[in-house]
Amino acid sequence: MEDKNIKINLFIRQLNQSNALGYNKRYIASTADYNFKILDRAYEGTGRVYAKLKTAINNNNCSDPICQAETMKLKYLMEAPRKSLKFLSDLGSQLLITEDNYYDVNQNYQYAVAHCILTGKPTFAKSDGYNVTLMLKSDGSQELIFEGPMLEQPLIVNSDALAALLESNTNVVAETPDVNKNMLALLANVGIMAGNSINPDTGELSPQAKIADEFVLKDKNGQYIYEVVEIGDGMGRNILQFDLDKIERKITPLINAEVAGMLTAEQSVVAAWNVFIGAQTSVEEDDQMAQNANAGFVAWSYDYDLPLMPDKKNLFMNKYKEYFMNNYLKQFTTNKLPTVKADAVPFQLETEEVKEENKEQEQGAQEAPQN
């Protein structure tokens, strides 16, 4: 089922993002009927029911002495239109998540189909075999029933069930956190950047952002410990080295605190894992792909992995930190030139031949006073 969700979700996304139908003569010439008449059909005949209930109550001709059943049914009926509009709005806002750039395609594809039906996407019309029906239940709740060729079984959503889920901050479609935004904010707030690295107006990193000097490796005399890299033609240059252990000790408590906050919405953690963390791909890498990377065989299941067990919470926390280190911090600790101008100048590398010549010169200098 997981693989089926991925395939159909990707197919729907590609279909909606493609311009191919604009060149399909058969589709352009066809007549598409998107008028599902959801509310019209739902409330057909309710006027007669209302009148019958009202008459029974006024004439005290009810099923019980105090007309409790009739009064309750009348109450349900009077509240139904407002409830229907809220139900459609609430469900619509949930289904809209299926259009997000970082929507997790491991989720139930039926919600993507339902969104296409409700919003009138091409090839999801009534004339294509799709339908959506609003049912008014006797208990006062309402149901939306989605049917069509891509749905092996009807998708049924109950208004009271949806309302209860939303009230408890649970979505029927998980929203993937904006990991790029979160990581950039984390980078600015973990306390490892130099004082002038943060824009005071926006709180974001400035173009001149750099790691604070206290995290640069130095010897016991306070002198920088450089890595020498070859730049070609026998030349080399010094590169700063950073105390990555010290940096990790500094950032770990803050990353753990952020992940603890994320874990209050576990379904979004599953989405973040499947879209970003599990595959360990950066936003830049995803932007270069036709379709964002997916965690594949290491993906977590919404059906079987929720609620998250302690081992998966710990794994997510560790991989989240690893993702931060590799995709966001690394750019500030790689190939950084010395701040001391003299140390930043390229220099001739000591090849074996040069070393031998220098050795001979030193020996000659030592022997000269004896002559």
Protein backbone atom coordinates (compact mmCIF):
# COMPACT_ATOMS: atom_id res chain seq x y z
CA MET A 1 0.00 0.00 0.00
CA GLU A 2 2.88 2.36 0.80
CA ASP A 3 4.29 1.94 -2.71
CA LYS A 4 0.82 2.48 -4.17
CA ASN A 5 0.44 5.71 -2.22
CA ILE A 6 3.74 6.98 -3.60
CA LYS A 7 2.92 6.06 -7.19
CA ILE A 8 -0.57 7.56 -7.25
CA ASN A 9 0.38 10.68 -5.28
CA LEU A 10 3.25 11.31 -7.69
CA PHE A 11 1.01 10.63 -10.69
CA ILE A 12 -1.58 13.13 -9.45
CA ARG A 13 1.09 15.75 -8.72
CA GLN A 14 2.67 15.34 -12.15
CA LEU A 15 -0.74 15.42 -13.83
CA ASN A 16 -1.69 18.67 -12.09
CA GLN A 17 1.68 20.31 -12.74
CA SER A 18 1.93 19.24 -16.35
CA ASN A 19 0.71 21.29 -19.32
CA ALA A 20 0.15 18.16 -21.40
CA LEU A 21 -3.66 18.34 -21.30
CA GLY A 22 -3.48 21.73 -22.98
CA TYR A 23 -2.27 19.93 -26.11
CA ASN A 24 -4.66 16.99 -25.87
CA LYS A 25 -7.24 17.64 -28.62
CA ARG A 26 -9.56 14.96 -27.33
CA TYR A 27 -9.64 16.46 -23.85
CA ILE A 28 -10.09 20.02 -25.15
CA ALA A 29 -13.04 18.91 -27.27
CA SER A 30 -14.73 17.02 -24.42
CA THR A 31 -17.48 18.31 -22.16
CA ALA A 32 -16.54 18.21 -18.49
CA ASP A 33 -19.23 18.41 -15.80
CA TYR A 34 -17.86 19.60 -12.44
CA ASN A 35 -21.23 20.51 -10.94
CA PHE A 36 -21.59 17.94 -8.18
CA LYS A 37 -24.41 19.95 -6.55
CA ILE A 38 -23.12 18.92 -3.14
CA LEU A 39 -25.34 21.16 -1.04
CA ASP A 40 -28.36 21.08 -3.36
CA ARG A 41 -28.58 17.30 -3.22
CA ALA A 42 -27.85 17.16 0.51
CA TYR A 43 -30.70 19.52 1.41
CA GLU A 44 -33.20 18.31 -1.15
CA GLY A 45 -36.46 17.66 0.69
CA THR A 46 -35.29 19.12 4.03
CA GLY A 47 -37.92 21.85 3.77
CA ARG A 48 -40.68 19.26 3.98
CA VAL A 49 -38.94 17.49 6.88
CA TYR A 50 -38.62 20.81 8.73
CA ALA A 51 -42.29 21.60 8.23
CA LYS A 52 -43.35 18.13 9.38
CA LEU A 53 -41.25 18.35 12.56
CA LYS A 54 -42.46 21.85 13.34
CA THR A 55 -46.09 20.84 12.91
CA ALA A 56 -45.65 17.77 15.12
CA ILE A 57 -44.12 19.87 17.90
CA ASN A 58 -46.73 22.64 17.65
CA ASN A 59 -49.57 20.09 17.75
CA ASN A 60 -47.88 18.05 20.47
CA ASN A 61 -48.14 15.07 18.13
CA CYS A 62 -44.70 13.62 18.86
CA SER A 63 -43.19 10.26 19.57
CA ASP A 64 -42.81 11.15 23.27
CA PRO A 65 -44.67 13.47 25.66
CA ILE A 66 -42.05 16.24 25.60
CA CYS A 67 -41.22 15.99 21.90
CA GLN A 68 -37.58 15.35 22.74
CA ALA A 69 -36.76 13.38 19.57
CA GLU A 70 -38.50 15.85 17.26
CA THR A 71 -36.94 18.86 18.97
CA MET A 72 -33.47 17.31 18.63
CA LYS A 73 -34.01 16.51 14.95
CA LEU A 74 -35.24 20.05 14.34
CA LYS A 75 -32.18 21.44 16.10
CA TYR A 76 -29.90 19.28 13.94
CA LEU A 77 -31.69 20.45 10.82
CA MET A 78 -31.47 24.15 11.72
CA GLU A 79 -27.77 23.88 12.51
CA ALA A 80 -26.97 21.74 9.47
CA PRO A 81 -26.29 24.47 6.82
CA ARG A 82 -23.73 26.26 9.00
CA LYS A 83 -22.20 22.92 9.93
CA SER A 84 -22.00 21.88 6.27
CA LEU A 85 -20.11 25.03 5.30
CA LYS A 86 -17.66 24.60 8.17
CA PHE A 87 -17.24 20.92 7.36
CA LEU A 88 -16.41 21.67 3.73
CA SER A 89 -14.05 24.47 4.75
CA ASP A 90 -12.23 22.38 7.37
CA LEU A 91 -11.81 19.40 5.07
CA GLY A 92 -10.80 21.64 2.17
CA SER A 93 -8.01 23.21 4.25
CA GLN A 94 -6.74 19.72 5.10
CA LEU A 95 -6.85 18.48 1.52
CA LEU A 96 -5.04 21.60 0.32
CA ILE A 97 -1.90 20.27 2.03
CA THR A 98 -1.63 17.72 -0.79
CA GLU A 99 -0.51 20.61 -3.04
CA ASP A 100 2.36 21.71 -0.75
CA ASN A 101 5.83 21.59 -2.30
CA TYR A 102 7.01 19.22 0.42
CA TYR A 103 3.87 17.10 0.72
CA ASP A 104 4.82 13.58 1.81
CA VAL A 105 3.72 11.23 -0.95
CA ASN A 106 3.77 8.27 1.47
CA GLN A 107 0.39 9.45 2.76
CA ASN A 108 -3.01 8.05 1.79
CA TYR A 109 -3.46 9.02 -1.87
CA GLN A 110 -7.27 9.09 -1.44
CA TYR A 111 -7.01 12.56 0.08
CA ALA A 112 -5.17 13.84 -3.00
CA VAL A 113 -7.96 12.39 -5.15
CA ALA A 114 -10.61 14.00 -2.92
CA HIS A 115 -8.85 17.36 -3.25
CA CYS A 116 -8.86 17.05 -7.04
CA ILE A 117 -12.59 16.29 -6.99
CA LEU A 118 -13.51 19.18 -4.68
CA THR A 119 -11.37 21.71 -6.55
CA GLY A 120 -12.35 20.63 -10.05
CA LYS A 121 -8.97 19.49 -11.34
CA PRO A 122 -8.87 18.29 -14.97
CA THR A 123 -9.90 14.62 -15.43
CA PHE A 124 -11.60 14.51 -12.00
CA ALA A 125 -15.01 15.70 -13.19
CA LYS A 126 -18.40 14.12 -12.70
CA SER A 127 -18.27 13.26 -16.40
CA ASP A 128 -15.01 11.37 -15.72
CA GLY A 129 -16.84 9.10 -13.30
CA TYR A 130 -16.17 10.98 -10.04
CA ASN A 131 -18.72 12.03 -7.47
CA VAL A 132 -18.91 13.59 -4.01
CA THR A 133 -21.99 13.34 -1.82
CA LEU A 134 -22.85 15.12 1.41
CA MET A 135 -25.06 13.07 3.74
CA LEU A 136 -26.96 14.47 6.72
CA LYS A 137 -26.91 11.83 9.44
CA SER A 138 -29.68 11.26 11.96
CA ASP A 139 -27.23 11.83 14.84
CA GLY A 140 -26.54 15.38 13.64
CA SER A 141 -23.19 14.59 12.07
CA GLN A 142 -22.53 14.77 8.34
CA GLU A 143 -20.55 12.66 5.90
CA LEU A 144 -18.73 13.44 2.69
CA ILE A 145 -18.43 10.43 0.41
CA PHE A 146 -15.93 10.55 -2.46
CA GLU A 147 -16.15 8.02 -5.29
CA GLY A 148 -14.46 7.54 -8.63
CA PRO A 149 -12.15 5.49 -10.86
CA MET A 150 -9.01 6.09 -8.79
CA LEU A 151 -10.76 5.13 -5.55
CA GLU A 152 -11.09 1.37 -5.12
CA GLN A 153 -13.35 2.02 -2.12
CA PRO A 154 -15.28 5.22 -1.35
CA LEU A 155 -13.46 7.69 0.90
CA ILE A 156 -15.83 8.62 3.74
CA VAL A 157 -15.13 11.52 6.10
CA ASN A 158 -17.41 12.24 9.07
CA SER A 159 -17.80 15.85 10.22
CA ASP A 160 -17.75 15.09 13.94
CA ALA A 161 -14.70 12.82 13.61
CA LEU A 162 -12.86 15.50 11.62
CA ALA A 163 -13.79 18.21 14.12
CA ALA A 164 -12.55 16.09 17.03
CA LEU A 165 -9.24 15.44 15.28
CA LEU A 166 -8.68 19.10 14.46
CA GLU A 167 -9.59 20.10 18.01
CA SER A 168 -6.83 17.80 19.26
CA ASN A 169 -4.34 19.28 16.74
CA THR A 170 -4.35 16.16 14.58
CA ASN A 171 -4.60 16.45 10.80
CA VAL A 172 -5.91 13.87 8.37
CA VAL A 173 -3.14 15.00 5.99
CA ALA A 174 0.24 15.60 7.64
CA GLU A 175 1.92 18.91 6.89
CA THR A 176 5.66 18.67 6.33
CA PRO A 177 7.58 21.22 8.43
CA ASP A 178 9.59 23.88 6.60
CA VAL A 179 12.91 22.24 7.46
CA ASN A 180 14.94 24.80 5.49
CA LYS A 181 13.41 27.70 7.43
CA ASN A 182 13.81 25.87 10.74
CA MET A 183 17.44 25.00 10.07
CA LEU A 184 18.37 28.56 9.08
CA ALA A 185 16.70 29.89 12.22
CA LEU A 186 18.52 27.27 14.28
CA LEU A 187 21.84 28.25 12.72
CA ALA A 188 21.26 31.87 13.73
CA ASN A 189 20.29 31.00 17.29
CA VAL A 190 22.58 28.20 18.44
CA GLY A 191 25.26 30.63 19.64
CA ILE A 192 28.16 29.62 17.42
CA MET A 193 28.16 32.51 14.95
CA ALA A 194 30.26 35.66 15.25
CA GLY A 195 28.57 38.73 16.69
CA ASN A 196 28.08 40.53 13.36
CA SER A 197 26.62 37.47 11.64
CA ILE A 198 22.98 38.16 12.53
CA ASN A 199 20.87 40.88 10.91
CA PRO A 200 19.40 42.73 13.93
CA ASP A 201 16.27 43.72 11.98
CA THR A 202 15.33 40.26 10.68
CA GLY A 203 17.16 37.94 13.06
CA GLU A 204 18.47 36.09 10.01
CA LEU A 205 22.05 35.37 8.99
CA SER A 206 23.80 38.14 7.08
CA PRO A 207 25.87 37.48 3.92
CA GLN A 208 29.01 38.02 6.06
CA ALA A 209 28.03 35.35 8.59
CA LYS A 210 30.85 33.23 9.96
CA ILE A 211 31.66 30.92 12.87
CA ALA A 212 32.83 32.69 16.03
CA ASP A 213 36.59 32.71 16.63
CA GLU A 214 36.28 30.70 19.84
CA PHE A 215 35.36 27.64 17.75
CA VAL A 216 38.46 27.89 15.50
CA LEU A 217 41.31 25.51 16.37
CA LYS A 218 44.36 27.14 17.99
CA ASP A 219 47.48 25.84 19.71
CA LYS A 220 48.34 26.47 23.36
CA ASN A 221 49.89 29.81 22.41
CA GLY A 222 46.70 30.98 20.71
CA GLN A 223 48.07 30.56 17.20
CA TYR A 224 45.74 29.21 14.53
CA ILE A 225 46.23 25.59 13.51
CA TYR A 226 45.83 25.51 9.75
CA GLU A 227 45.17 22.75 7.28
CA VAL A 228 47.31 23.14 4.17
CA VAL A 229 45.56 22.41 0.88
CA GLU A 230 47.10 22.22 -2.58
CA ILE A 231 45.67 24.71 -5.10
CA GLY A 232 47.73 23.70 -8.14
CA ASP A 233 51.06 24.54 -9.80
CA GLY A 234 52.90 23.52 -6.67
CA MET A 235 51.15 26.18 -4.63
CA GLY A 236 49.23 25.76 -1.39
CA ARG A 237 47.28 27.83 1.07
CA ASN A 238 46.18 27.71 4.68
CA ILE A 239 42.62 26.80 5.61
CA LEU A 240 41.03 27.32 9.01
CA GLN A 241 40.21 24.25 11.08
CA PHE A 242 37.26 24.19 13.45
CA ASP A 243 36.67 22.45 16.76
CA LEU A 244 33.71 20.40 15.58
CA ASP A 245 33.42 18.56 18.91
CA LYS A 246 33.08 21.86 20.75
CA ILE A 247 30.51 23.07 18.19
CA GLU A 248 28.51 19.85 18.54
CA ARG A 249 28.49 20.15 22.33
CA LYS A 250 27.21 23.70 21.98
CA ILE A 251 24.41 23.01 19.52
CA THR A 252 23.16 19.62 20.77
CA PRO A 253 20.99 20.93 23.65
CA LEU A 254 19.30 23.45 21.37
CA ILE A 255 18.68 20.91 18.62
CA ASN A 256 17.27 18.47 21.16
CA ALA A 257 14.93 21.18 22.44
CA GLU A 258 13.74 21.95 18.90
CA VAL A 259 13.13 18.28 18.13
CA ALA A 260 11.25 17.89 21.43
CA GLY A 261 8.94 20.67 20.26
CA MET A 262 8.47 19.00 16.88
CA LEU A 263 7.58 15.72 18.57
CA THR A 264 4.40 17.30 19.94
CA ALA A 265 3.08 16.80 16.39
CA GLU A 266 4.35 13.33 15.57
CA GLN A 267 2.66 13.06 12.18
CA SER A 268 4.67 16.08 11.00
CA VAL A 269 7.82 14.41 12.31
CA VAL A 270 7.02 11.38 10.14
CA ALA A 271 6.54 13.73 7.17
CA ALA A 272 9.86 15.49 7.89
CA TRP A 273 11.60 12.13 8.13
CA ASN A 274 10.14 10.85 4.87
CA VAL A 275 10.77 14.03 2.88
CA PHE A 276 14.08 15.28 4.30
CA ILE A 277 15.73 13.60 7.25
CA GLY A 278 15.53 9.94 6.27
CA ALA A 279 16.95 10.56 2.80
CA GLN A 280 19.43 13.18 4.16
CA THR A 281 18.90 15.40 1.09
CA SER A 282 19.16 19.19 1.30
CA VAL A 283 16.62 21.69 0.00
CA GLU A 284 19.12 22.66 -2.71
CA GLU A 285 19.44 19.03 -3.85
CA ASP A 286 15.67 18.63 -3.91
CA ASP A 287 15.35 21.82 -5.96
CA GLN A 288 17.56 20.22 -8.63
CA MET A 289 15.33 17.15 -8.87
CA ALA A 290 12.15 16.73 -10.85
CA GLN A 291 10.66 15.23 -7.69
CA ASN A 292 11.88 15.65 -4.13
CA ALA A 293 13.86 12.74 -2.75
CA ASN A 294 11.94 10.23 -0.70
CA ALA A 295 13.11 8.14 2.23
CA GLY A 296 12.26 5.02 0.20
CA PHE A 297 12.75 1.77 2.07
CA VAL A 298 13.57 3.66 5.30
CA ALA A 299 10.33 5.66 5.13
CA TRP A 300 8.08 5.60 8.18
CA SER A 301 4.44 4.58 7.95
CA TYR A 302 1.60 6.72 9.28
CA ASP A 303 -0.42 3.58 9.87
CA TYR A 304 2.18 1.48 11.67
CA ASP A 305 4.79 3.84 13.16
CA LEU A 306 2.45 6.21 15.00
CA PRO A 307 2.67 6.79 17.87
CA LEU A 308 6.46 6.94 17.58
CA MET A 309 8.38 4.61 19.83
CA PRO A 310 11.39 5.91 21.84
CA ASP A 311 13.90 4.34 19.44
CA LYS A 312 12.46 6.25 16.48
CA LYS A 313 12.33 9.49 18.47
CA ASN A 314 16.01 9.09 19.34
CA LEU A 315 16.85 8.19 15.75
CA PHE A 316 15.05 11.28 14.48
CA MET A 317 16.86 13.49 16.98
CA ASN A 318 20.27 12.13 15.98
CA LYS A 319 19.57 12.30 12.25
CA TYR A 320 18.10 15.81 12.57
CA LYS A 321 21.40 16.96 14.12
CA GLU A 322 23.35 15.12 11.42
CA TYR A 323 21.22 16.80 8.76
CA PHE A 324 21.92 20.19 10.32
CA MET A 325 25.66 19.54 10.52
CA ASN A 326 25.97 18.28 6.93
CA ASN A 327 23.60 20.57 5.07
CA TYR A 328 23.73 23.85 6.99
CA LEU A 329 26.73 24.07 9.31
CA LYS A 330 29.25 22.51 6.93
CA GLN A 331 29.24 25.48 4.56
CA PHE A 332 30.64 27.63 7.38
CA THR A 333 33.41 25.18 8.35
CA THR A 334 34.70 24.17 4.93
CA ASN A 335 37.47 25.94 2.95
CA LYS A 336 37.49 29.06 5.11
CA LEU A 337 40.51 31.32 4.67
CA PRO A 338 42.52 32.65 7.62
CA THR A 339 41.49 35.96 9.13
CA VAL A 340 45.17 36.91 9.39
CA LYS A 341 45.97 38.42 5.98
CA ALA A 342 49.56 37.23 5.90
CA ASP A 343 48.46 33.65 6.57
CA ALA A 344 45.88 33.80 3.77
CA VAL A 345 48.47 34.40 1.01
CA PRO A 346 49.18 31.34 -1.22
CA PHE A 347 52.67 29.90 -0.89
CA GLN A 348 55.02 27.46 -2.58
CA LEU A 349 54.51 23.93 -1.34
CA GLU A 350 57.54 22.02 -0.18
CA THR A 351 57.89 19.16 -2.64
CA GLU A 352 60.31 16.33 -1.94
CA GLU A 353 62.79 17.99 -4.28
CA VAL A 354 62.46 21.33 -2.52
CA LYS A 355 62.78 19.66 0.86
CA GLU A 356 66.03 17.98 -0.27
CA GLU A 357 67.41 21.28 -1.53
CA ASN A 358 66.51 22.99 1.76
CA LYS A 359 68.15 20.16 3.68
CA GLU A 360 71.37 20.54 1.68
CA GLN A 361 71.35 24.30 2.23
CA GLU A 362 70.92 23.83 5.96
CA GLN A 363 73.76 21.35 6.06
CA GLY A 364 75.94 23.72 4.07
CA ALA A 365 75.16 26.55 6.43
CA GLN A 366 76.12 24.40 9.39
CA GLU A 367 79.44 23.37 7.82
CA ALA A 368 80.45 26.90 6.65
CA PRO A 369 81.86 28.17 10.01
CA GLN A 370 84.13 25.10 10.24
CA ASN A 371 85.81 26.06 6.95
